[in-house]
Amino acid sequence: MDYDALTRKFLTNLKEGRQTEAGLREYLQALGETLSSLNPRTQTEQRRLVMAKEQLNQIKKQTRRLQEKIAILEEQVSILEEDKDI
């Protein structure tokens, strides 16, 4: 078993996963900033803006939970692959 190649592969996958996660976080951050910069003129627009901000917060929470689940599942897969190699 080549531990160097295995470690390199793991670190590459870890790096790629973080880039995807950061990209999603950046998009959500930009969307939040855009929503914050809007100036509603009517009560209806104001309610819609508040609702959009709340929904964005929920999306951020769900994204964070999904990223945590993905990390756990990836760890479980790597453990299973290690057990398979043994």
PDB file of N, CA and C in Angstrom:
ATOM      1  N   MET A   1       0.850  -1.183   0.000  1.00  0.00           N
ATOM      2  CA  MET A   1       0.000   0.000   0.000  1.00  0.00           C
ATOM      3  C   MET A   1       0.892   1.242   0.000  1.00  0.00           C
ATOM      4  N   ASP A   2       0.619   2.159  -0.904  1.00  0.00           N
ATOM      5  CA  ASP A   2       1.406   3.376  -1.048  1.00  0.00           C
ATOM      6  C   ASP A   2       0.772   4.500  -0.223  1.00  0.00           C
ATOM      7  N   TYR A   3       1.327   4.743   0.950  1.00  0.00           N
ATOM      8  CA  TYR A   3       0.768   5.748   1.857  1.00  0.00           C
ATOM      9  C   TYR A   3       0.977   7.172   1.334  1.00  0.00           C
ATOM     10  N   ASP A   4       2.076   7.381   0.628  1.00  0.00           N
ATOM     11  CA  ASP A   4       2.318   8.716   0.059  1.00  0.00           C
ATOM     12  C   ASP A   4       1.234   9.080  -0.950  1.00  0.00           C
ATOM     13  N   ALA A   5       0.931   8.157  -1.841  1.00  0.00           N
ATOM     14  CA  ALA A   5      -0.108   8.418  -2.849  1.00  0.00           C
ATOM     15  C   ALA A   5      -1.469   8.579  -2.193  1.00  0.00           C
ATOM     16  N   LEU A   6      -1.747   7.759  -1.191  1.00  0.00           N
ATOM     17  CA  LEU A   6      -3.016   7.845  -0.478  1.00  0.00           C
ATOM     18  C   LEU A   6      -3.157   9.200   0.229  1.00  0.00           C
ATOM     19  N   THR A   7      -2.086   9.637   0.872  1.00  0.00           N
ATOM     20  CA  THR A   7      -2.104  10.934   1.564  1.00  0.00           C
ATOM     21  C   THR A   7      -2.269  12.073   0.575  1.00  0.00           C
ATOM     22  N   ARG A   8      -1.536  11.998  -0.548  1.00  0.00           N
ATOM     23  CA  ARG A   8      -1.645  13.038  -1.569  1.00  0.00           C
ATOM     24  C   ARG A   8      -3.073  13.123  -2.115  1.00  0.00           C
ATOM     25  N   LYS A   9      -3.665  11.947  -2.379  1.00  0.00           N
ATOM     26  CA  LYS A   9      -5.037  11.906  -2.885  1.00  0.00           C
ATOM     27  C   LYS A   9      -6.009  12.504  -1.866  1.00  0.00           C
ATOM     28  N   PHE A  10      -5.833  12.159  -0.601  1.00  0.00           N
ATOM     29  CA  PHE A  10      -6.700  12.670   0.454  1.00  0.00           C
ATOM     30  C   PHE A  10      -6.602  14.185   0.552  1.00  0.00           C
ATOM     31  N   LEU A  11      -5.384  14.701   0.554  1.00  0.00           N
ATOM     32  CA  LEU A  11      -5.190  16.153   0.670  1.00  0.00           C
ATOM     33  C   LEU A  11      -5.731  16.885  -0.555  1.00  0.00           C
ATOM     34  N   THR A  12      -5.592  16.294  -1.719  1.00  0.00           N
ATOM     35  CA  THR A  12      -6.130  16.908  -2.940  1.00  0.00           C
ATOM     36  C   THR A  12      -7.649  16.976  -2.870  1.00  0.00           C
ATOM     37  N   ASN A  13      -8.276  15.878  -2.459  1.00  0.00           N
ATOM     38  CA  ASN A  13      -9.732  15.861  -2.334  1.00  0.00           C
ATOM     39  C   ASN A  13     -10.195  16.841  -1.270  1.00  0.00           C
ATOM     40  N   LEU A  14      -9.459  16.926  -0.179  1.00  0.00           N
ATOM     41  CA  LEU A  14      -9.809  17.859   0.892  1.00  0.00           C
ATOM     42  C   LEU A  14      -9.735  19.295   0.382  1.00  0.00           C
ATOM     43  N   LYS A  15      -8.684  19.589  -0.356  1.00  0.00           N
ATOM     44  CA  LYS A  15      -8.518  20.939  -0.904  1.00  0.00           C
ATOM     45  C   LYS A  15      -9.644  21.266  -1.882  1.00  0.00           C
ATOM     46  N   GLU A  16      -9.982  20.331  -2.751  1.00  0.00           N
ATOM     47  CA  GLU A  16     -11.053  20.561  -3.726  1.00  0.00           C
ATOM     48  C   GLU A  16     -12.387  20.763  -3.028  1.00  0.00           C
ATOM     49  N   GLY A  17     -12.645  20.004  -1.985  1.00  0.00           N
ATOM     50  CA  GLY A  17     -13.890  20.141  -1.236  1.00  0.00           C
ATOM     51  C   GLY A  17     -14.011  21.502  -0.586  1.00  0.00           C
ATOM     52  N   ARG A  18     -12.932  22.007  -0.072  1.00  0.00           N
ATOM     53  CA  ARG A  18     -12.970  23.332   0.554  1.00  0.00           C
ATOM     54  C   ARG A  18     -13.184  24.429  -0.473  1.00  0.00           C
ATOM     55  N   GLN A  19     -12.640  24.259  -1.655  1.00  0.00           N
ATOM     56  CA  GLN A  19     -12.847  25.275  -2.684  1.00  0.00           C
ATOM     57  C   GLN A  19     -14.322  25.347  -3.069  1.00  0.00           C
ATOM     58  N   THR A  20     -14.974  24.205  -3.177  1.00  0.00           N
ATOM     59  CA  THR A  20     -16.393  24.182  -3.513  1.00  0.00           C
ATOM     60  C   THR A  20     -17.196  24.833  -2.400  1.00  0.00           C
ATOM     61  N   GLU A  21     -16.855  24.490  -1.166  1.00  0.00           N
ATOM     62  CA  GLU A  21     -17.576  25.042  -0.026  1.00  0.00           C
ATOM     63  C   GLU A  21     -17.382  26.554   0.043  1.00  0.00           C
ATOM     64  N   ALA A  22     -16.170  27.013  -0.156  1.00  0.00           N
ATOM     65  CA  ALA A  22     -15.900  28.452  -0.107  1.00  0.00           C
ATOM     66  C   ALA A  22     -16.648  29.168  -1.224  1.00  0.00           C
ATOM     67  N   GLY A  23     -16.734  28.561  -2.391  1.00  0.00           N
ATOM     68  CA  GLY A  23     -17.456  29.175  -3.500  1.00  0.00           C
ATOM     69  C   GLY A  23     -18.917  29.366  -3.163  1.00  0.00           C
ATOM     70  N   LEU A  24     -19.507  28.363  -2.550  1.00  0.00           N
ATOM     71  CA  LEU A  24     -20.911  28.456  -2.161  1.00  0.00           C
ATOM     72  C   LEU A  24     -21.086  29.519  -1.087  1.00  0.00           C
ATOM     73  N   ARG A  25     -20.193  29.539  -0.128  1.00  0.00           N
ATOM     74  CA  ARG A  25     -20.270  30.560   0.922  1.00  0.00           C
ATOM     75  C   ARG A  25     -20.117  31.958   0.344  1.00  0.00           C
ATOM     76  N   GLU A  26     -19.253  32.086  -0.632  1.00  0.00           N
ATOM     77  CA  GLU A  26     -19.064  33.402  -1.257  1.00  0.00           C
ATOM     78  C   GLU A  26     -20.331  33.853  -1.967  1.00  0.00           C
ATOM     79  N   TYR A  27     -20.977  32.937  -2.665  1.00  0.00           N
ATOM     80  CA  TYR A  27     -22.226  33.279  -3.356  1.00  0.00           C
ATOM     81  C   TYR A  27     -23.296  33.709  -2.358  1.00  0.00           C
ATOM     82  N   LEU A  28     -23.419  32.968  -1.273  1.00  0.00           N
ATOM     83  CA  LEU A  28     -24.417  33.315  -0.258  1.00  0.00           C
ATOM     84  C   LEU A  28     -24.097  34.651   0.403  1.00  0.00           C
ATOM     85  N   GLN A  29     -22.811  34.896   0.643  1.00  0.00           N
ATOM     86  CA  GLN A  29     -22.404  36.173   1.233  1.00  0.00           C
ATOM     87  C   GLN A  29     -22.737  37.327   0.299  1.00  0.00           C
ATOM     88  N   ALA A  30     -22.451  37.151  -0.984  1.00  0.00           N
ATOM     89  CA  ALA A  30     -22.744  38.204  -1.963  1.00  0.00           C
ATOM     90  C   ALA A  30     -24.244  38.452  -2.056  1.00  0.00           C
ATOM     91  N   LEU A  31     -25.021  37.389  -2.026  1.00  0.00           N
ATOM     92  CA  LEU A  31     -26.475  37.534  -2.064  1.00  0.00           C
ATOM     93  C   LEU A  31     -26.976  38.284  -0.827  1.00  0.00           C
ATOM     94  N   GLY A  32     -26.415  37.962   0.336  1.00  0.00           N
ATOM     95  CA  GLY A  32     -26.793  38.663   1.557  1.00  0.00           C
ATOM     96  C   GLY A  32     -26.456  40.143   1.499  1.00  0.00           C
ATOM     97  N   GLU A  33     -25.296  40.460   0.953  1.00  0.00           N
ATOM     98  CA  GLU A  33     -24.906  41.862   0.821  1.00  0.00           C
ATOM     99  C   GLU A  33     -25.817  42.598  -0.158  1.00  0.00           C
ATOM    100  N   THR A  34     -26.199  41.922  -1.217  1.00  0.00           N
ATOM    101  CA  THR A  34     -27.107  42.523  -2.192  1.00  0.00           C
ATOM    102  C   THR A  34     -28.459  42.812  -1.555  1.00  0.00           C
ATOM    103  N   LEU A  35     -28.965  41.835  -0.793  1.00  0.00           N
ATOM    104  CA  LEU A  35     -30.250  42.048  -0.120  1.00  0.00           C
ATOM    105  C   LEU A  35     -30.159  43.195   0.889  1.00  0.00           C
ATOM    106  N   SER A  36     -29.037  43.295   1.573  1.00  0.00           N
ATOM    107  CA  SER A  36     -28.877  44.368   2.566  1.00  0.00           C
ATOM    108  C   SER A  36     -28.798  45.745   1.922  1.00  0.00           C
ATOM    109  N   SER A  37     -28.325  45.791   0.687  1.00  0.00           N
ATOM    110  CA  SER A  37     -28.175  47.088   0.025  1.00  0.00           C
ATOM    111  C   SER A  37     -29.482  47.590  -0.599  1.00  0.00           C
ATOM    112  N   LEU A  38     -30.493  46.739  -0.687  1.00  0.00           N
ATOM    113  CA  LEU A  38     -31.764  47.154  -1.278  1.00  0.00           C
ATOM    114  C   LEU A  38     -32.531  48.074  -0.322  1.00  0.00           C
ATOM    115  N   ASN A  39     -33.202  49.057  -0.890  1.00  0.00           N
ATOM    116  CA  ASN A  39     -34.019  49.980  -0.109  1.00  0.00           C
ATOM    117  C   ASN A  39     -35.479  49.840  -0.540  1.00  0.00           C
ATOM    118  N   PRO A  40     -36.261  49.131   0.258  1.00  0.00           N
ATOM    119  CA  PRO A  40     -37.671  48.948  -0.123  1.00  0.00           C
ATOM    120  C   PRO A  40     -38.442  50.267  -0.019  1.00  0.00           C
ATOM    121  N   ARG A  41     -39.308  50.474  -0.981  1.00  0.00           N
ATOM    122  CA  ARG A  41     -40.086  51.722  -1.011  1.00  0.00           C
ATOM    123  C   ARG A  41     -41.478  51.542  -0.427  1.00  0.00           C
ATOM    124  N   THR A  42     -41.974  50.336  -0.466  1.00  0.00           N
ATOM    125  CA  THR A  42     -43.319  50.097   0.057  1.00  0.00           C
ATOM    126  C   THR A  42     -43.252  49.057   1.172  1.00  0.00           C
ATOM    127  N   GLN A  43     -44.345  48.952   1.905  1.00  0.00           N
ATOM    128  CA  GLN A  43     -44.440  47.973   2.985  1.00  0.00           C
ATOM    129  C   GLN A  43     -44.342  46.546   2.427  1.00  0.00           C
ATOM    130  N   THR A  44     -44.932  46.321   1.271  1.00  0.00           N
ATOM    131  CA  THR A  44     -44.889  45.001   0.636  1.00  0.00           C
ATOM    132  C   THR A  44     -43.462  44.624   0.267  1.00  0.00           C
ATOM    133  N   GLU A  45     -42.734  45.564  -0.315  1.00  0.00           N
ATOM    134  CA  GLU A  45     -41.338  45.305  -0.659  1.00  0.00           C
ATOM    135  C   GLU A  45     -40.504  45.038   0.588  1.00  0.00           C
ATOM    136  N   GLN A  46     -40.805  45.770   1.654  1.00  0.00           N
ATOM    137  CA  GLN A  46     -40.070  45.588   2.901  1.00  0.00           C
ATOM    138  C   GLN A  46     -40.308  44.178   3.462  1.00  0.00           C
ATOM    139  N   ARG A  47     -41.559  43.727   3.437  1.00  0.00           N
ATOM    140  CA  ARG A  47     -41.875  42.373   3.911  1.00  0.00           C
ATOM    141  C   ARG A  47     -41.190  41.309   3.062  1.00  0.00           C
ATOM    142  N   ARG A  48     -41.191  41.521   1.761  1.00  0.00           N
ATOM    143  CA  ARG A  48     -40.529  40.572   0.862  1.00  0.00           C
ATOM    144  C   ARG A  48     -39.033  40.510   1.141  1.00  0.00           C
ATOM    145  N   LEU A  49     -38.440  41.654   1.400  1.00  0.00           N
ATOM    146  CA  LEU A  49     -37.014  41.712   1.693  1.00  0.00           C
ATOM    147  C   LEU A  49     -36.692  41.001   3.005  1.00  0.00           C
ATOM    148  N   VAL A  50     -37.510  41.216   4.015  1.00  0.00           N
ATOM    149  CA  VAL A  50     -37.317  40.535   5.302  1.00  0.00           C
ATOM    150  C   VAL A  50     -37.436  39.028   5.110  1.00  0.00           C
ATOM    151  N   MET A  51     -38.421  38.613   4.346  1.00  0.00           N
ATOM    152  CA  MET A  51     -38.627  37.188   4.084  1.00  0.00           C
ATOM    153  C   MET A  51     -37.437  36.596   3.331  1.00  0.00           C
ATOM    154  N   ALA A  52     -36.926  37.318   2.342  1.00  0.00           N
ATOM    155  CA  ALA A  52     -35.776  36.846   1.571  1.00  0.00           C
ATOM    156  C   ALA A  52     -34.550  36.698   2.469  1.00  0.00           C
ATOM    157  N   LYS A  53     -34.346  37.636   3.394  1.00  0.00           N
ATOM    158  CA  LYS A  53     -33.212  37.540   4.317  1.00  0.00           C
ATOM    159  C   LYS A  53     -33.356  36.340   5.244  1.00  0.00           C
ATOM    160  N   GLU A  54     -34.554  36.094   5.722  1.00  0.00           N
ATOM    161  CA  GLU A  54     -34.794  34.929   6.577  1.00  0.00           C
ATOM    162  C   GLU A  54     -34.540  33.634   5.813  1.00  0.00           C
ATOM    163  N   GLN A  55     -34.998  33.587   4.582  1.00  0.00           N
ATOM    164  CA  GLN A  55     -34.773  32.393   3.768  1.00  0.00           C
ATOM    165  C   GLN A  55     -33.292  32.183   3.481  1.00  0.00           C
ATOM    166  N   LEU A  56     -32.564  33.259   3.268  1.00  0.00           N
ATOM    167  CA  LEU A  56     -31.123  33.163   3.051  1.00  0.00           C
ATOM    168  C   LEU A  56     -30.435  32.605   4.297  1.00  0.00           C
ATOM    169  N   ASN A  57     -30.860  33.046   5.467  1.00  0.00           N
ATOM    170  CA  ASN A  57     -30.282  32.515   6.702  1.00  0.00           C
ATOM    171  C   ASN A  57     -30.554  31.021   6.836  1.00  0.00           C
ATOM    172  N   GLN A  58     -31.753  30.594   6.470  1.00  0.00           N
ATOM    173  CA  GLN A  58     -32.085  29.170   6.519  1.00  0.00           C
ATOM    174  C   GLN A  58     -31.233  28.380   5.523  1.00  0.00           C
ATOM    175  N   ILE A  59     -31.004  28.945   4.357  1.00  0.00           N
ATOM    176  CA  ILE A  59     -30.161  28.288   3.354  1.00  0.00           C
ATOM    177  C   ILE A  59     -28.742  28.133   3.898  1.00  0.00           C
ATOM    178  N   LYS A  60     -28.226  29.156   4.557  1.00  0.00           N
ATOM    179  CA  LYS A  60     -26.884  29.081   5.129  1.00  0.00           C
ATOM    180  C   LYS A  60     -26.796  27.981   6.179  1.00  0.00           C
ATOM    181  N   LYS A  61     -27.813  27.887   7.037  1.00  0.00           N
ATOM    182  CA  LYS A  61     -27.819  26.845   8.067  1.00  0.00           C
ATOM    183  C   LYS A  61     -27.854  25.459   7.441  1.00  0.00           C
ATOM    184  N   GLN A  62     -28.728  25.276   6.458  1.00  0.00           N
ATOM    185  CA  GLN A  62     -28.848  23.975   5.798  1.00  0.00           C
ATOM    186  C   GLN A  62     -27.557  23.611   5.067  1.00  0.00           C
ATOM    187  N   THR A  63     -26.932  24.590   4.437  1.00  0.00           N
ATOM    188  CA  THR A  63     -25.679  24.354   3.734  1.00  0.00           C
ATOM    189  C   THR A  63     -24.598  23.903   4.701  1.00  0.00           C
ATOM    190  N   ARG A  64     -24.521  24.573   5.836  1.00  0.00           N
ATOM    191  CA  ARG A  64     -23.537  24.212   6.857  1.00  0.00           C
ATOM    192  C   ARG A  64     -23.767  22.776   7.332  1.00  0.00           C
ATOM    193  N   ARG A  65     -25.024  22.407   7.577  1.00  0.00           N
ATOM    194  CA  ARG A  65     -25.345  21.046   8.020  1.00  0.00           C
ATOM    195  C   ARG A  65     -24.985  20.020   6.951  1.00  0.00           C
ATOM    196  N   LEU A  66     -25.293  20.340   5.703  1.00  0.00           N
ATOM    197  CA  LEU A  66     -24.967  19.416   4.615  1.00  0.00           C
ATOM    198  C   LEU A  66     -23.458  19.234   4.467  1.00  0.00           C
ATOM    199  N   GLN A  67     -22.699  20.315   4.612  1.00  0.00           N
ATOM    200  CA  GLN A  67     -21.248  20.210   4.533  1.00  0.00           C
ATOM    201  C   GLN A  67     -20.703  19.333   5.651  1.00  0.00           C
ATOM    202  N   GLU A  68     -21.275  19.447   6.849  1.00  0.00           N
ATOM    203  CA  GLU A  68     -20.852  18.607   7.965  1.00  0.00           C
ATOM    204  C   GLU A  68     -21.168  17.141   7.682  1.00  0.00           C
ATOM    205  N   LYS A  69     -22.355  16.881   7.140  1.00  0.00           N
ATOM    206  CA  LYS A  69     -22.728  15.502   6.809  1.00  0.00           C
ATOM    207  C   LYS A  69     -21.821  14.933   5.722  1.00  0.00           C
ATOM    208  N   ILE A  70     -21.493  15.747   4.740  1.00  0.00           N
ATOM    209  CA  ILE A  70     -20.594  15.307   3.666  1.00  0.00           C
ATOM    210  C   ILE A  70     -19.238  14.944   4.244  1.00  0.00           C
ATOM    211  N   ALA A  71     -18.728  15.768   5.147  1.00  0.00           N
ATOM    212  CA  ALA A  71     -17.426  15.484   5.756  1.00  0.00           C
ATOM    213  C   ALA A  71     -17.455  14.163   6.521  1.00  0.00           C
ATOM    214  N   ILE A  72     -18.530  13.919   7.258  1.00  0.00           N
ATOM    215  CA  ILE A  72     -18.661  12.677   8.014  1.00  0.00           C
ATOM    216  C   ILE A  72     -18.726  11.485   7.057  1.00  0.00           C
ATOM    217  N   LEU A  73     -19.528  11.598   6.012  1.00  0.00           N
ATOM    218  CA  LEU A  73     -19.657  10.505   5.048  1.00  0.00           C
ATOM    219  C   LEU A  73     -18.345  10.232   4.317  1.00  0.00           C
ATOM    220  N   GLU A  74     -17.619  11.288   3.964  1.00  0.00           N
ATOM    221  CA  GLU A  74     -16.328  11.097   3.307  1.00  0.00           C
ATOM    222  C   GLU A  74     -15.355  10.377   4.229  1.00  0.00           C
ATOM    223  N   GLU A  75     -15.384  10.721   5.502  1.00  0.00           N
ATOM    224  CA  GLU A  75     -14.520  10.057   6.474  1.00  0.00           C
ATOM    225  C   GLU A  75     -14.892   8.578   6.605  1.00  0.00           C
ATOM    226  N   GLN A  76     -16.191   8.294   6.631  1.00  0.00           N
ATOM    227  CA  GLN A  76     -16.643   6.913   6.719  1.00  0.00           C
ATOM    228  C   GLN A  76     -16.234   6.117   5.484  1.00  0.00           C
ATOM    229  N   VAL A  77     -16.330   6.724   4.321  1.00  0.00           N
ATOM    230  CA  VAL A  77     -15.920   6.050   3.089  1.00  0.00           C
ATOM    231  C   VAL A  77     -14.432   5.754   3.125  1.00  0.00           C
ATOM    232  N   SER A  78     -13.633   6.699   3.563  1.00  0.00           N
ATOM    233  CA  SER A  78     -12.186   6.468   3.609  1.00  0.00           C
ATOM    234  C   SER A  78     -11.848   5.360   4.607  1.00  0.00           C
ATOM    235  N   ILE A  79     -12.562   5.306   5.724  1.00  0.00           N
ATOM    236  CA  ILE A  79     -12.338   4.243   6.699  1.00  0.00           C
ATOM    237  C   ILE A  79     -12.699   2.896   6.086  1.00  0.00           C
ATOM    238  N   LEU A  80     -13.835   2.840   5.383  1.00  0.00           N
ATOM    239  CA  LEU A  80     -14.242   1.597   4.736  1.00  0.00           C
ATOM    240  C   LEU A  80     -13.249   1.166   3.668  1.00  0.00           C
ATOM    241  N   GLU A  81     -12.718   2.128   2.925  1.00  0.00           N
ATOM    242  CA  GLU A  81     -11.721   1.797   1.908  1.00  0.00           C
ATOM    243  C   GLU A  81     -10.446   1.276   2.550  1.00  0.00           C
ATOM    244  N   GLU A  82     -10.060   1.862   3.681  1.00  0.00           N
ATOM    245  CA  GLU A  82      -8.883   1.379   4.393  1.00  0.00           C
ATOM    246  C   GLU A  82      -9.104  -0.045   4.900  1.00  0.00           C
ATOM    247  N   ASP A  83     -10.292  -0.307   5.426  1.00  0.00           N
ATOM    248  CA  ASP A  83     -10.609  -1.649   5.918  1.00  0.00           C
ATOM    249  C   ASP A  83     -10.622  -2.653   4.764  1.00  0.00           C
ATOM    250  N   LYS A  84     -11.062  -2.206   3.604  1.00  0.00           N
ATOM    251  CA  LYS A  84     -11.121  -3.068   2.433  1.00  0.00           C
ATOM    252  C   LYS A  84      -9.704  -3.445   1.994  1.00  0.00           C
ATOM    253  N   ASP A  85      -8.792  -2.494   2.084  1.00  0.00           N
ATOM    254  CA  ASP A  85      -7.402  -2.740   1.672  1.00  0.00           C
ATOM    255  C   ASP A  85      -6.682  -3.674   2.631  1.00  0.00           C
ATOM    256  N   ILE A  86      -7.124  -3.709   3.859  1.00  0.00           N
ATOM    257  CA  ILE A  86      -6.456  -4.563   4.861  1.00  0.00           C
ATOM    258  C   ILE A  86      -6.817  -5.968   4.658  1.00  0.00           C
TER     259      ILE A  86
END
